[in-house]
C-alpha cells in the first residue's frame, strides 16, 4: 500500500522564503553566467 498524507500536516517552504537570494538573482538576470557561477562557488 502506498504512503498517504491523510491526517498529516504538510508544510512547503520555498528557498526564497528562507534565504535572501536577491544578489544572486541580480547577477543571474544580468546574463553573466561566469559571474553567477563564481558567486555561487564563493558561497560554498
PDB file of N, CA and C in Angstrom:
ATOM      1  N   UNK A   1       0.851  -1.172   0.000  1.00  0.00           N
ATOM      2  CA  UNK A   1       0.000   0.000   0.000  1.00  0.00           C
ATOM      3  C   UNK A   1       0.905   1.247   0.000  1.00  0.00           C
ATOM      4  N   UNK A   2       0.640   2.201  -0.894  1.00  0.00           N
ATOM      5  CA  UNK A   2       1.463   3.413  -0.953  1.00  0.00           C
ATOM      6  C   UNK A   2       1.225   4.315   0.259  1.00  0.00           C
ATOM      7  N   UNK A   3       2.236   5.075   0.596  1.00  0.00           N
ATOM      8  CA  UNK A   3       2.118   6.028   1.706  1.00  0.00           C
ATOM      9  C   UNK A   3       1.151   7.140   1.327  1.00  0.00           C
ATOM     10  N   UNK A   4       0.383   7.607   2.294  1.00  0.00           N
ATOM     11  CA  UNK A   4      -0.549   8.706   2.050  1.00  0.00           C
ATOM     12  C   UNK A   4      -0.272   9.829   3.041  1.00  0.00           C
ATOM     13  N   UNK A   5      -0.794  10.982   2.728  1.00  0.00           N
ATOM     14  CA  UNK A   5      -0.659  12.138   3.610  1.00  0.00           C
ATOM     15  C   UNK A   5      -1.957  12.430   4.352  1.00  0.00           C
ATOM     16  N   UNK A   6      -2.850  11.470   4.350  1.00  0.00           N
ATOM     17  CA  UNK A   6      -4.101  11.632   5.084  1.00  0.00           C
ATOM     18  C   UNK A   6      -3.795  11.893   6.559  1.00  0.00           C
ATOM     19  N   UNK A   7      -4.513  12.828   7.133  1.00  0.00           N
ATOM     20  CA  UNK A   7      -4.356  13.181   8.543  1.00  0.00           C
ATOM     21  C   UNK A   7      -2.955  13.696   8.886  1.00  0.00           C
ATOM     22  N   UNK A   8      -2.253  14.264   7.891  1.00  0.00           N
ATOM     23  CA  UNK A   8      -0.921  14.824   8.107  1.00  0.00           C
ATOM     24  C   UNK A   8      -0.932  16.301   7.740  1.00  0.00           C
ATOM     25  N   UNK A   9      -0.151  17.083   8.440  1.00  0.00           N
ATOM     26  CA  UNK A   9       0.045  18.484   8.100  1.00  0.00           C
ATOM     27  C   UNK A   9       1.259  18.564   7.186  1.00  0.00           C
ATOM     28  N   UNK A  10       1.077  19.094   5.983  1.00  0.00           N
ATOM     29  CA  UNK A  10       2.163  19.219   5.017  1.00  0.00           C
ATOM     30  C   UNK A  10       2.515  20.696   4.890  1.00  0.00           C
ATOM     31  N   UNK A  11       3.790  21.004   5.091  1.00  0.00           N
ATOM     32  CA  UNK A  11       4.259  22.385   5.007  1.00  0.00           C
ATOM     33  C   UNK A  11       5.316  22.462   3.913  1.00  0.00           C
ATOM     34  N   UNK A  12       5.132  23.380   2.973  1.00  0.00           N
ATOM     35  CA  UNK A  12       6.107  23.595   1.903  1.00  0.00           C
ATOM     36  C   UNK A  12       6.664  25.005   2.034  1.00  0.00           C
ATOM     37  N   UNK A  13       7.980  25.111   2.005  1.00  0.00           N
ATOM     38  CA  UNK A  13       8.636  26.408   2.142  1.00  0.00           C
ATOM     39  C   UNK A  13       9.617  26.570   0.986  1.00  0.00           C
ATOM     40  N   UNK A  14       9.532  27.702   0.292  1.00  0.00           N
ATOM     41  CA  UNK A  14      10.458  27.950  -0.810  1.00  0.00           C
ATOM     42  C   UNK A  14      11.792  28.457  -0.278  1.00  0.00           C
ATOM     43  N   UNK A  15      12.853  28.253  -1.048  1.00  0.00           N
ATOM     44  CA  UNK A  15      14.173  28.727  -0.627  1.00  0.00           C
ATOM     45  C   UNK A  15      14.210  30.244  -0.517  1.00  0.00           C
ATOM     46  N   UNK A  16      13.421  30.943  -1.327  1.00  0.00           N
ATOM     47  CA  UNK A  16      13.391  32.410  -1.249  1.00  0.00           C
ATOM     48  C   UNK A  16      12.775  32.886   0.059  1.00  0.00           C
ATOM     49  N   UNK A  17      11.942  32.077   0.661  1.00  0.00           N
ATOM     50  CA  UNK A  17      11.366  32.444   1.953  1.00  0.00           C
ATOM     51  C   UNK A  17      12.382  32.277   3.083  1.00  0.00           C
ATOM     52  N   UNK A  18      13.341  31.386   2.888  1.00  0.00           N
ATOM     53  CA  UNK A  18      14.341  31.121   3.918  1.00  0.00           C
ATOM     54  C   UNK A  18      15.613  31.934   3.761  1.00  0.00           C
ATOM     55  N   UNK A  19      15.994  32.220   2.511  1.00  0.00           N
ATOM     56  CA  UNK A  19      17.277  32.851   2.234  1.00  0.00           C
ATOM     57  C   UNK A  19      17.091  34.100   1.387  1.00  0.00           C
ATOM     58  N   UNK A  20      17.951  35.095   1.601  1.00  0.00           N
ATOM     59  CA  UNK A  20      17.950  36.305   0.785  1.00  0.00           C
ATOM     60  C   UNK A  20      18.793  36.026  -0.458  1.00  0.00           C
ATOM     61  N   UNK A  21      18.141  35.796  -1.586  1.00  0.00           N
ATOM     62  CA  UNK A  21      18.829  35.462  -2.832  1.00  0.00           C
ATOM     63  C   UNK A  21      18.805  36.618  -3.825  1.00  0.00           C
ATOM     64  N   UNK A  22      18.593  37.834  -3.335  1.00  0.00           N
ATOM     65  CA  UNK A  22      18.446  38.982  -4.230  1.00  0.00           C
ATOM     66  C   UNK A  22      19.716  39.244  -5.033  1.00  0.00           C
ATOM     67  N   UNK A  23      20.882  39.208  -4.383  1.00  0.00           N
ATOM     68  CA  UNK A  23      22.130  39.462  -5.107  1.00  0.00           C
ATOM     69  C   UNK A  23      22.355  38.406  -6.186  1.00  0.00           C
ATOM     70  N   UNK A  24      22.139  37.149  -5.849  1.00  0.00           N
ATOM     71  CA  UNK A  24      22.295  36.084  -6.834  1.00  0.00           C
ATOM     72  C   UNK A  24      21.346  36.286  -8.007  1.00  0.00           C
ATOM     73  N   UNK A  25      20.120  36.690  -7.716  1.00  0.00           N
ATOM     74  CA  UNK A  25      19.133  36.903  -8.768  1.00  0.00           C
ATOM     75  C   UNK A  25      19.546  38.049  -9.688  1.00  0.00           C
ATOM     76  N   UNK A  26      20.111  39.113  -9.133  1.00  0.00           N
ATOM     77  CA  UNK A  26      20.553  40.243  -9.951  1.00  0.00           C
ATOM     78  C   UNK A  26      21.675  39.829 -10.893  1.00  0.00           C
ATOM     79  N   UNK A  27      22.633  39.057 -10.390  1.00  0.00           N
ATOM     80  CA  UNK A  27      23.737  38.589 -11.232  1.00  0.00           C
ATOM     81  C   UNK A  27      23.198  37.664 -12.315  1.00  0.00           C
ATOM     82  N   UNK A  28      22.300  36.776 -11.957  1.00  0.00           N
ATOM     83  CA  UNK A  28      21.714  35.848 -12.928  1.00  0.00           C
ATOM     84  C   UNK A  28      20.946  36.604 -14.004  1.00  0.00           C
ATOM     85  N   UNK A  29      20.134  37.580 -13.590  1.00  0.00           N
ATOM     86  CA  UNK A  29      19.336  38.350 -14.548  1.00  0.00           C
ATOM     87  C   UNK A  29      20.197  39.194 -15.473  1.00  0.00           C
ATOM     88  N   UNK A  30      21.400  39.563 -15.028  1.00  0.00           N
ATOM     89  CA  UNK A  30      22.305  40.344 -15.871  1.00  0.00           C
ATOM     90  C   UNK A  30      22.834  39.510 -17.033  1.00  0.00           C
ATOM     91  N   UNK A  31      22.695  38.197 -16.943  1.00  0.00           N
ATOM     92  CA  UNK A  31      23.077  37.317 -18.044  1.00  0.00           C
ATOM     93  C   UNK A  31      24.546  36.939 -18.057  1.00  0.00           C
ATOM     94  N   UNK A  32      25.263  37.210 -16.977  1.00  0.00           N
ATOM     95  CA  UNK A  32      26.687  36.876 -16.906  1.00  0.00           C
ATOM     96  C   UNK A  32      26.843  35.530 -16.199  1.00  0.00           C
ATOM     97  N   UNK A  33      26.829  34.478 -16.977  1.00  0.00           N
ATOM     98  CA  UNK A  33      26.872  33.125 -16.414  1.00  0.00           C
ATOM     99  C   UNK A  33      28.156  32.888 -15.624  1.00  0.00           C
ATOM    100  N   UNK A  34      29.272  33.420 -16.107  1.00  0.00           N
ATOM    101  CA  UNK A  34      30.551  33.225 -15.414  1.00  0.00           C
ATOM    102  C   UNK A  34      30.537  33.904 -14.042  1.00  0.00           C
ATOM    103  N   UNK A  35      30.013  35.129 -13.975  1.00  0.00           N
ATOM    104  CA  UNK A  35      29.937  35.845 -12.694  1.00  0.00           C
ATOM    105  C   UNK A  35      28.988  35.127 -11.740  1.00  0.00           C
ATOM    106  N   UNK A  36      27.892  34.604 -12.268  1.00  0.00           N
ATOM    107  CA  UNK A  36      26.935  33.875 -11.435  1.00  0.00           C
ATOM    108  C   UNK A  36      27.580  32.610 -10.864  1.00  0.00           C
ATOM    109  N   UNK A  37      28.304  31.881 -11.704  1.00  0.00           N
ATOM    110  CA  UNK A  37      28.971  30.669 -11.253  1.00  0.00           C
ATOM    111  C   UNK A  37      30.029  31.007 -10.194  1.00  0.00           C
ATOM    112  N   UNK A  38      30.788  32.086 -10.410  1.00  0.00           N
ATOM    113  CA  UNK A  38      31.810  32.486  -9.446  1.00  0.00           C
ATOM    114  C   UNK A  38      31.184  32.861  -8.101  1.00  0.00           C
ATOM    115  N   UNK A  39      30.082  33.581  -8.139  1.00  0.00           N
ATOM    116  CA  UNK A  39      29.383  33.958  -6.909  1.00  0.00           C
ATOM    117  C   UNK A  39      28.939  32.717  -6.140  1.00  0.00           C
ATOM    118  N   UNK A  40      28.421  31.735  -6.848  1.00  0.00           N
ATOM    119  CA  UNK A  40      27.983  30.500  -6.193  1.00  0.00           C
ATOM    120  C   UNK A  40      29.164  29.750  -5.579  1.00  0.00           C
ATOM    121  N   UNK A  41      30.279  29.696  -6.306  1.00  0.00           N
ATOM    122  CA  UNK A  41      31.458  28.993  -5.793  1.00  0.00           C
ATOM    123  C   UNK A  41      32.024  29.679  -4.554  1.00  0.00           C
ATOM    124  N   UNK A  42      31.981  30.998  -4.518  1.00  0.00           N
ATOM    125  CA  UNK A  42      32.476  31.740  -3.363  1.00  0.00           C
ATOM    126  C   UNK A  42      31.631  31.476  -2.126  1.00  0.00           C
ATOM    127  N   UNK A  43      30.400  31.104  -2.309  1.00  0.00           N
ATOM    128  CA  UNK A  43      29.483  30.938  -1.178  1.00  0.00           C
ATOM    129  C   UNK A  43      29.312  29.491  -0.736  1.00  0.00           C
ATOM    130  N   UNK A  44      30.112  28.608  -1.276  1.00  0.00           N
ATOM    131  CA  UNK A  44      30.036  27.204  -0.845  1.00  0.00           C
ATOM    132  C   UNK A  44      30.533  27.043   0.562  1.00  0.00           C
TER     133      UNK A  44
END
